[in-house]
Amino acid sequence: MNENDIKNLPGVMPINKTKTVVLARKSETFQVYRVPLKYLYYNDQNDRISTEIIRYCTENNRELPTDRDEYNQIFEDLVVKSKEDAIIKTQRSIATRGQDNPGVTLKDGRVVDGNRRFTCLRRIQKETNQEQFFETIILDYDYKNDYKYIKSLELELQMGVDEKVKYDPIDKLFGVYKSIRIEKAFTIEEYAALFDDYSVNDVKKDLALADLMVEYLEFQGTPGKYYIAKDMDLQGTLFEIPAILERVRKKNPDLVDDVKLRIFASISVGATKRLNLFMRDIKDVVENGDLAKYLADTEEAVTETMQALEEKPVQNYNDLADGIRNRDDLKDKLVLPVNTQKKAIESKKLKKAPIRYSKEAISTLNAIHTDSILEMNDEDRGELKSLLDQLEDKINEMREKL
């Protein structure tokens, strides 16, 4: 990629516009330039399409090309695929009234904010055969030499208060994981400080979910293929898991990994259509059931699931859908022990019901100030006596059962 400052290239012109952006929580105003599209290229570190880049490289067994035209075409296709309806709408608007909002570009031509607008202009240029220009501010940085600063800029611009297009939840988790775990560019506190509505606790929770996602993909034999988690809509299921493992950790810390294997096996086979609800059933087993029995009853299913994944490696979601997720025998072996435990828990709760309700009744009766009975009129006294008779009858009925 061209490392020159694009402000010095032919055809790049300042226009009568400025754009104010917030950088490191400080508001700064910059000159806007009109830049020919041929000098620009997509940001390959964009968290919004990060998992799709990995998908492309994995499925095509190649690295991203160094040729700018080929590189840009790949990214254009990915951007269009990710939000095609939004692209069509924005493209119509730009074709009719021009580009309303300038983008943000680095001095070497990397577009760090404005991928959709850049994409729309590229498509318009191809469709009309007329040269188009991207309106953008140009920052005096390049990504390679100041990764942390530029990543901070990208996150502030794309995920801040004025966010217009929501991140896919899995892309967001991977973005947190990559910045903190892989690149080690930020501490949790530094990452949270980039946003007004994303606390340290929020980052910790998302990072824990990302760690679980990474562990699950490794269990499934698809390490690093984060796009498979997206294809599986895994975010809702992931959200339920930390609470389960925390309950196990408090009661039987040595069993955390065993329970995690059951959870991962259940996800791989698609144990039920509503996996997030099934996770809550497992949580109920952990809290109120016989955990040792549950683990013993599902041991065979976990072993068979791991063997099946090893015998037929997963390359993409279709391999799961057409393979192990058709194994009703494995689903039954993972689901039936949970259902059996649920019935036992419900039965136990029913058996305890007389004690629970009696305690509630005593608590309610103890709240009565008996002196207030002296102030009641005859009609109210009669109604109270009738109620006490009913209570006495119920108490006698319960005593007979004892």
Protein backbone atom coordinates (compact mmCIF):
# COMPACT_ATOMS: atom_id res chain seq x y z
CA MET A 1 0.00 0.00 0.00
CA ASN A 2 1.13 3.55 -0.77
CA GLU A 3 2.64 5.09 2.37
CA ASN A 4 2.73 8.68 0.96
CA ASP A 5 0.62 11.46 2.38
CA ILE A 6 -2.39 11.54 0.06
CA LYS A 7 -2.85 15.28 0.63
CA ASN A 8 0.13 15.74 -1.71
CA LEU A 9 -1.23 13.58 -4.55
CA PRO A 10 -2.72 15.02 -7.78
CA GLY A 11 -6.45 15.67 -7.63
CA VAL A 12 -6.68 15.82 -3.83
CA MET A 13 -8.18 19.19 -2.95
CA PRO A 14 -9.34 20.95 0.23
CA ILE A 15 -12.98 22.02 0.03
CA ASN A 16 -15.07 24.53 1.90
CA LYS A 17 -16.00 22.13 4.68
CA THR A 18 -14.71 21.10 8.10
CA LYS A 19 -15.52 18.14 10.29
CA THR A 20 -15.33 18.02 14.08
CA VAL A 21 -14.49 14.71 15.72
CA VAL A 22 -13.80 13.71 19.29
CA LEU A 23 -10.33 12.20 19.71
CA ALA A 24 -9.20 11.03 23.14
CA ARG A 25 -12.29 12.80 24.53
CA LYS A 26 -11.18 16.12 23.02
CA SER A 27 -13.12 17.84 20.26
CA GLU A 28 -11.00 18.78 17.24
CA THR A 29 -11.96 20.37 13.92
CA PHE A 30 -10.24 19.35 10.66
CA GLN A 31 -10.19 20.49 7.06
CA VAL A 32 -12.17 18.26 4.68
CA TYR A 33 -10.55 17.11 1.42
CA ARG A 34 -11.98 15.84 -1.84
CA VAL A 35 -10.05 12.65 -2.65
CA PRO A 36 -10.18 10.50 -5.82
CA LEU A 37 -11.24 6.97 -4.90
CA LYS A 38 -8.13 5.43 -6.47
CA TYR A 39 -6.00 6.72 -3.59
CA LEU A 40 -8.11 5.08 -0.89
CA TYR A 41 -8.34 1.60 0.56
CA TYR A 42 -10.43 -0.21 3.15
CA ASN A 43 -9.36 -0.71 6.73
CA ASP A 44 -8.60 -4.41 7.20
CA GLN A 45 -8.70 -3.94 11.00
CA ASN A 46 -12.34 -2.83 10.98
CA ASP A 47 -14.10 -4.76 13.76
CA ARG A 48 -17.43 -4.60 11.93
CA ILE A 49 -16.25 -7.04 9.25
CA SER A 50 -13.37 -8.65 11.11
CA THR A 51 -14.91 -12.12 11.27
CA GLU A 52 -15.89 -11.93 7.59
CA ILE A 53 -12.27 -11.18 6.65
CA ILE A 54 -11.23 -14.32 8.54
CA ARG A 55 -13.96 -16.26 6.72
CA TYR A 56 -12.73 -15.04 3.34
CA CYS A 57 -9.08 -15.90 4.04
CA THR A 58 -9.98 -19.30 5.51
CA GLU A 59 -12.41 -20.40 2.81
CA ASN A 60 -10.14 -19.20 0.00
CA ASN A 61 -6.97 -20.47 1.71
CA ARG A 62 -5.12 -17.22 1.08
CA GLU A 63 -3.96 -14.00 2.66
CA LEU A 64 -5.44 -10.66 1.67
CA PRO A 65 -3.95 -9.53 -1.67
CA THR A 66 -1.44 -6.68 -1.85
CA ASP A 67 -2.89 -5.44 -5.15
CA ARG A 68 -5.05 -2.47 -4.18
CA ASP A 69 -7.80 -2.98 -6.77
CA GLU A 70 -8.26 -6.64 -5.88
CA TYR A 71 -8.01 -5.86 -2.15
CA ASN A 72 -10.65 -3.12 -2.37
CA GLN A 73 -13.02 -5.28 -4.41
CA ILE A 74 -12.90 -8.02 -1.79
CA PHE A 75 -13.75 -5.54 0.95
CA GLU A 76 -16.46 -3.88 -1.10
CA ASP A 77 -18.15 -7.26 -1.50
CA LEU A 78 -17.88 -7.92 2.23
CA VAL A 79 -19.32 -4.52 3.16
CA VAL A 80 -22.23 -4.92 0.73
CA LYS A 81 -22.95 -8.43 1.98
CA SER A 82 -22.97 -7.29 5.62
CA LYS A 83 -25.63 -4.58 5.17
CA GLU A 84 -26.94 -4.68 1.61
CA ASP A 85 -30.22 -2.87 2.32
CA ALA A 86 -28.38 -0.04 4.07
CA ILE A 87 -25.86 0.19 1.20
CA ILE A 88 -28.62 0.49 -1.41
CA LYS A 89 -30.38 3.19 0.61
CA THR A 90 -27.17 5.18 1.22
CA GLN A 91 -26.11 4.84 -2.41
CA ARG A 92 -29.40 6.32 -3.62
CA SER A 93 -29.01 9.21 -1.20
CA ILE A 94 -25.42 9.97 -2.28
CA ALA A 95 -26.31 9.69 -5.97
CA THR A 96 -29.14 12.20 -5.47
CA ARG A 97 -27.74 14.75 -3.03
CA GLY A 98 -24.06 13.96 -2.60
CA GLN A 99 -22.09 12.87 0.45
CA ASP A 100 -23.49 14.57 3.55
CA ASN A 101 -21.04 13.32 6.17
CA PRO A 102 -17.28 13.40 5.51
CA GLY A 103 -15.27 10.32 6.39
CA VAL A 104 -12.04 9.93 8.31
CA THR A 105 -8.91 8.75 6.47
CA LEU A 106 -5.27 8.26 7.42
CA LYS A 107 -2.50 9.92 5.45
CA ASP A 108 -1.73 6.70 3.51
CA GLY A 109 -5.34 6.41 2.28
CA ARG A 110 -6.74 3.95 4.84
CA VAL A 111 -10.43 4.76 5.45
CA VAL A 112 -11.06 4.34 9.19
CA ASP A 113 -14.56 5.79 9.18
CA GLY A 114 -16.91 5.85 6.22
CA ASN A 115 -16.69 2.35 4.73
CA ARG A 116 -20.30 2.40 3.56
CA ARG A 117 -20.00 5.83 1.98
CA PHE A 118 -16.73 4.80 0.30
CA THR A 119 -18.45 1.63 -0.94
CA CYS A 120 -21.42 3.54 -2.33
CA LEU A 121 -19.16 5.95 -4.21
CA ARG A 122 -17.19 3.04 -5.67
CA ARG A 123 -20.41 1.45 -6.91
CA ILE A 124 -21.68 4.74 -8.35
CA GLN A 125 -18.37 5.25 -10.16
CA LYS A 126 -18.58 1.79 -11.76
CA GLU A 127 -22.25 2.17 -12.69
CA THR A 128 -21.93 5.68 -14.21
CA ASN A 129 -18.35 5.44 -15.46
CA GLN A 130 -17.81 8.89 -13.96
CA GLU A 131 -15.03 9.58 -11.47
CA GLN A 132 -16.25 10.03 -7.91
CA PHE A 133 -14.56 11.69 -4.95
CA PHE A 134 -14.64 10.81 -1.26
CA GLU A 135 -15.01 13.77 1.10
CA THR A 136 -12.90 13.12 4.17
CA ILE A 137 -10.62 14.58 6.77
CA ILE A 138 -7.05 13.28 6.58
CA LEU A 139 -5.22 12.50 9.82
CA ASP A 140 -1.45 12.64 9.95
CA TYR A 141 -1.03 9.04 11.13
CA ASP A 142 -0.67 5.64 9.58
CA TYR A 143 -2.02 2.45 11.11
CA LYS A 144 1.24 0.54 11.11
CA ASN A 145 3.21 3.08 13.12
CA ASP A 146 0.59 3.98 15.71
CA TYR A 147 -1.73 0.96 16.07
CA LYS A 148 -3.07 1.84 19.51
CA TYR A 149 -3.89 5.44 18.67
CA ILE A 150 -5.61 4.60 15.41
CA LYS A 151 -7.52 1.68 16.93
CA SER A 152 -8.71 4.04 19.65
CA LEU A 153 -9.81 6.46 16.95
CA GLU A 154 -11.66 3.77 15.04
CA LEU A 155 -13.49 2.54 18.16
CA GLU A 156 -14.43 6.05 19.28
CA LEU A 157 -15.79 6.89 15.83
CA GLN A 158 -17.62 3.61 15.19
CA MET A 159 -18.81 2.49 18.62
CA GLY A 160 -19.28 5.74 20.46
CA VAL A 161 -22.36 7.65 21.53
CA ASP A 162 -23.30 8.57 17.97
CA GLU A 163 -23.15 4.99 16.72
CA LYS A 164 -25.52 4.60 13.76
CA VAL A 165 -25.18 0.95 12.84
CA LYS A 166 -25.05 -1.65 15.59
CA TYR A 167 -22.22 -4.14 15.65
CA ASP A 168 -23.02 -7.78 15.18
CA PRO A 169 -22.65 -9.17 18.74
CA ILE A 170 -20.03 -11.75 17.73
CA ASP A 171 -18.02 -9.14 15.79
CA LYS A 172 -18.11 -6.95 18.90
CA LEU A 173 -16.89 -9.81 21.13
CA PHE A 174 -14.10 -10.60 18.71
CA GLY A 175 -13.12 -6.92 18.55
CA VAL A 176 -12.73 -6.79 22.33
CA TYR A 177 -10.84 -10.09 22.34
CA LYS A 178 -8.49 -9.05 19.55
CA SER A 179 -7.63 -5.64 21.02
CA ILE A 180 -7.03 -6.93 24.56
CA ARG A 181 -6.02 -10.58 24.22
CA ILE A 182 -4.42 -10.94 20.78
CA GLU A 183 -2.85 -7.54 20.12
CA LYS A 184 -2.48 -6.73 23.83
CA ALA A 185 -2.84 -3.08 22.84
CA PHE A 186 -5.22 -2.10 25.66
CA THR A 187 -5.90 -2.91 29.27
CA ILE A 188 -9.53 -3.47 30.18
CA GLU A 189 -9.62 -0.03 31.79
CA GLU A 190 -8.13 1.66 28.72
CA TYR A 191 -10.60 -0.04 26.42
CA ALA A 192 -13.59 1.00 28.55
CA ALA A 193 -12.31 4.58 28.68
CA LEU A 194 -12.87 4.92 24.92
CA PHE A 195 -16.65 4.94 25.41
CA ASP A 196 -19.22 6.89 27.37
CA ASP A 197 -21.60 3.94 27.77
CA TYR A 198 -19.27 0.95 28.07
CA SER A 199 -17.98 0.47 31.61
CA VAL A 200 -15.03 -1.55 32.90
CA ASN A 201 -17.52 -4.13 34.15
CA ASP A 202 -19.14 -4.28 30.69
CA VAL A 203 -15.75 -4.91 29.08
CA LYS A 204 -14.96 -7.64 31.63
CA LYS A 205 -18.26 -9.37 30.90
CA ASP A 206 -17.76 -9.20 27.13
CA LEU A 207 -14.19 -10.40 27.45
CA ALA A 208 -15.38 -13.36 29.52
CA LEU A 209 -17.92 -14.20 26.81
CA ALA A 210 -15.23 -13.86 24.15
CA ASP A 211 -12.98 -16.22 26.12
CA LEU A 212 -15.83 -18.75 26.24
CA MET A 213 -16.38 -18.36 22.50
CA VAL A 214 -12.70 -19.05 21.87
CA GLU A 215 -12.80 -22.11 24.15
CA TYR A 216 -15.91 -23.43 22.44
CA LEU A 217 -14.42 -23.06 18.97
CA GLU A 218 -11.35 -24.96 20.15
CA PHE A 219 -13.58 -27.73 21.56
CA GLN A 220 -15.37 -27.94 18.22
CA GLY A 221 -12.09 -28.18 16.32
CA THR A 222 -12.56 -24.79 14.64
CA PRO A 223 -10.12 -22.51 16.50
CA GLY A 224 -10.02 -18.97 15.18
CA LYS A 225 -13.09 -19.42 12.95
CA TYR A 226 -15.12 -16.77 14.74
CA TYR A 227 -17.53 -16.46 11.82
CA ILE A 228 -18.91 -19.91 12.69
CA ALA A 229 -20.00 -18.54 16.08
CA LYS A 230 -21.78 -15.77 14.19
CA ASP A 231 -23.48 -18.23 11.84
CA MET A 232 -24.66 -20.15 14.91
CA ASP A 233 -26.13 -17.02 16.58
CA LEU A 234 -24.10 -18.07 19.57
CA GLN A 235 -24.27 -14.80 21.51
CA GLY A 236 -27.52 -15.60 23.39
CA THR A 237 -26.23 -19.00 24.48
CA LEU A 238 -22.85 -17.59 25.52
CA PHE A 239 -24.61 -15.03 27.70
CA GLU A 240 -26.16 -17.78 29.85
CA ILE A 241 -22.96 -19.74 30.49
CA PRO A 242 -20.98 -17.59 33.00
CA ALA A 243 -23.75 -17.79 35.61
CA ILE A 244 -23.78 -21.60 35.34
CA LEU A 245 -20.02 -21.90 35.73
CA GLU A 246 -20.00 -19.45 38.63
CA ARG A 247 -22.54 -21.60 40.51
CA VAL A 248 -20.38 -24.67 39.92
CA ARG A 249 -17.25 -22.80 40.97
CA LYS A 250 -18.84 -21.89 44.30
CA LYS A 251 -20.14 -25.39 45.05
CA ASN A 252 -17.68 -27.75 43.33
CA PRO A 253 -14.75 -25.84 41.76
CA ASP A 254 -13.17 -29.09 40.58
CA LEU A 255 -16.18 -29.78 38.34
CA VAL A 256 -16.17 -26.54 36.32
CA ASP A 257 -14.41 -28.11 33.32
CA ASP A 258 -16.72 -31.14 33.40
CA VAL A 259 -19.82 -28.96 33.27
CA LYS A 260 -18.26 -26.82 30.55
CA LEU A 261 -17.75 -29.91 28.39
CA ARG A 262 -21.47 -30.76 28.73
CA ILE A 263 -22.39 -27.24 27.71
CA PHE A 264 -20.07 -27.26 24.69
CA ALA A 265 -21.31 -30.70 23.59
CA SER A 266 -24.92 -29.48 23.87
CA ILE A 267 -24.11 -26.48 21.68
CA SER A 268 -22.33 -28.55 19.03
CA VAL A 269 -25.16 -31.05 18.62
CA GLY A 270 -27.84 -28.36 18.88
CA ALA A 271 -29.43 -30.16 21.83
CA THR A 272 -32.63 -28.09 21.58
CA LYS A 273 -33.94 -25.35 19.29
CA ARG A 274 -33.72 -22.84 22.15
CA LEU A 275 -30.23 -23.43 23.49
CA ASN A 276 -30.31 -20.35 25.71
CA LEU A 277 -33.32 -21.77 27.57
CA PHE A 278 -31.63 -25.17 27.78
CA MET A 279 -28.65 -23.46 29.42
CA ARG A 280 -31.03 -22.18 32.11
CA ASP A 281 -32.23 -25.74 32.67
CA ILE A 282 -28.61 -26.82 33.19
CA LYS A 283 -28.20 -23.95 35.64
CA ASP A 284 -31.23 -25.24 37.58
CA VAL A 285 -29.63 -28.70 37.71
CA VAL A 286 -26.42 -27.18 39.06
CA GLU A 287 -28.26 -25.18 41.70
CA ASN A 288 -30.97 -27.59 42.81
CA GLY A 289 -30.32 -31.01 41.30
CA ASP A 290 -27.94 -33.93 41.64
CA LEU A 291 -24.90 -32.61 39.78
CA ALA A 292 -22.87 -35.81 40.17
CA LYS A 293 -25.66 -37.87 38.61
CA TYR A 294 -26.07 -35.40 35.76
CA LEU A 295 -22.35 -35.59 34.98
CA ALA A 296 -22.38 -39.39 35.12
CA ASP A 297 -25.49 -39.66 32.93
CA THR A 298 -23.98 -37.43 30.22
CA GLU A 299 -20.41 -38.78 30.24
CA GLU A 300 -21.01 -41.10 27.30
CA ALA A 301 -22.69 -38.37 25.24
CA VAL A 302 -19.74 -36.00 25.72
CA THR A 303 -17.25 -38.69 24.69
CA GLU A 304 -19.28 -39.58 21.59
CA THR A 305 -19.67 -35.92 20.63
CA MET A 306 -15.93 -35.33 20.84
CA GLN A 307 -15.25 -38.47 18.80
CA ALA A 308 -17.77 -37.40 16.14
CA LEU A 309 -16.16 -33.97 15.85
CA GLU A 310 -12.74 -35.58 15.51
CA GLU A 311 -13.86 -38.12 12.88
CA LYS A 312 -15.60 -35.50 10.74
CA PRO A 313 -13.82 -32.14 11.17
CA VAL A 314 -15.96 -29.01 10.91
CA GLN A 315 -14.95 -26.41 8.34
CA ASN A 316 -18.09 -24.25 8.42
CA TYR A 317 -21.57 -24.12 9.91
CA ASN A 318 -23.02 -26.31 7.16
CA ASP A 319 -20.75 -29.13 8.31
CA LEU A 320 -22.40 -28.91 11.72
CA ALA A 321 -25.93 -28.59 10.35
CA ASP A 322 -25.51 -31.50 7.94
CA GLY A 323 -23.44 -33.61 10.31
CA ILE A 324 -23.43 -33.83 14.08
CA ARG A 325 -26.59 -31.75 14.45
CA ASN A 326 -28.51 -34.56 12.77
CA ARG A 327 -27.50 -36.97 15.55
CA ASP A 328 -30.75 -37.29 17.48
CA ASP A 329 -29.17 -40.04 19.58
CA LEU A 330 -26.60 -37.58 20.94
CA LYS A 331 -29.25 -34.94 21.54
CA ASP A 332 -31.32 -37.40 23.57
CA LYS A 333 -28.32 -38.44 25.64
CA LEU A 334 -27.64 -34.80 26.55
CA VAL A 335 -31.23 -33.61 26.97
CA LEU A 336 -32.93 -36.53 28.78
CA PRO A 337 -30.68 -36.38 31.88
CA VAL A 338 -31.48 -32.68 32.21
CA ASN A 339 -35.22 -33.29 31.82
CA THR A 340 -35.06 -36.10 34.39
CA GLN A 341 -33.32 -33.78 36.82
CA LYS A 342 -35.89 -31.06 36.18
CA LYS A 343 -38.74 -33.41 37.08
CA ALA A 344 -36.95 -34.44 40.28
CA ILE A 345 -36.38 -30.79 41.19
CA GLU A 346 -40.03 -29.90 40.58
CA SER A 347 -41.15 -32.87 42.66
CA LYS A 348 -38.84 -31.81 45.46
CA LYS A 349 -40.23 -28.30 45.33
CA LEU A 350 -43.81 -29.66 45.54
CA LYS A 351 -42.90 -31.76 48.57
CA LYS A 352 -41.51 -28.68 50.28
CA ALA A 353 -44.55 -26.58 49.40
CA PRO A 354 -46.47 -27.16 52.71
CA ILE A 355 -43.49 -25.95 54.71
CA ARG A 356 -42.89 -22.94 52.49
CA TYR A 357 -46.53 -21.81 52.46
CA SER A 358 -46.90 -22.38 56.22
CA LYS A 359 -43.88 -20.17 56.83
CA GLU A 360 -45.38 -17.50 54.59
CA ALA A 361 -48.72 -17.74 56.44
CA ILE A 362 -47.05 -17.40 59.86
CA SER A 363 -45.06 -14.41 58.62
CA THR A 364 -48.27 -12.76 57.40
CA LEU A 365 -50.17 -13.49 60.62
CA ASN A 366 -47.31 -12.14 62.73
CA ALA A 367 -47.71 -8.83 60.94
CA ILE A 368 -51.20 -8.39 62.47
CA HIS A 369 -51.49 -6.07 65.46
CA THR A 370 -54.02 -7.95 67.61
CA ASP A 371 -54.99 -4.78 69.53
CA SER A 372 -56.65 -3.53 66.36
CA ILE A 373 -59.28 -6.28 66.74
CA LEU A 374 -60.71 -4.37 69.72
CA GLU A 375 -61.53 -1.47 67.43
CA MET A 376 -63.38 -3.57 64.83
CA ASN A 377 -67.16 -3.32 64.41
CA ASP A 378 -69.45 -6.32 64.80
CA GLU A 379 -69.62 -7.06 61.06
CA ASP A 380 -65.84 -7.13 60.70
CA ARG A 381 -65.48 -9.23 63.86
CA GLY A 382 -67.89 -11.77 62.39
CA GLU A 383 -65.93 -11.96 59.12
CA LEU A 384 -62.63 -12.36 61.01
CA LYS A 385 -64.09 -15.18 63.14
CA SER A 386 -65.22 -16.99 59.96
CA LEU A 387 -61.72 -16.68 58.51
CA LEU A 388 -60.11 -17.97 61.72
CA ASP A 389 -62.47 -20.96 61.66
CA GLN A 390 -61.32 -21.70 58.09
CA LEU A 391 -57.70 -21.43 59.19
CA GLU A 392 -58.33 -23.77 62.11
CA ASP A 393 -60.02 -26.31 59.82
CA LYS A 394 -57.02 -26.23 57.46
CA ILE A 395 -54.57 -26.61 60.35
CA ASN A 396 -56.50 -29.60 61.71
CA GLU A 397 -56.55 -31.17 58.21
CA MET A 398 -52.78 -30.80 57.96
CA ARG A 399 -52.26 -32.20 61.48
CA GLU A 400 -54.26 -35.31 60.56
CA LYS A 401 -51.86 -35.95 57.63
CA LEU A 402 -48.95 -35.73 60.04
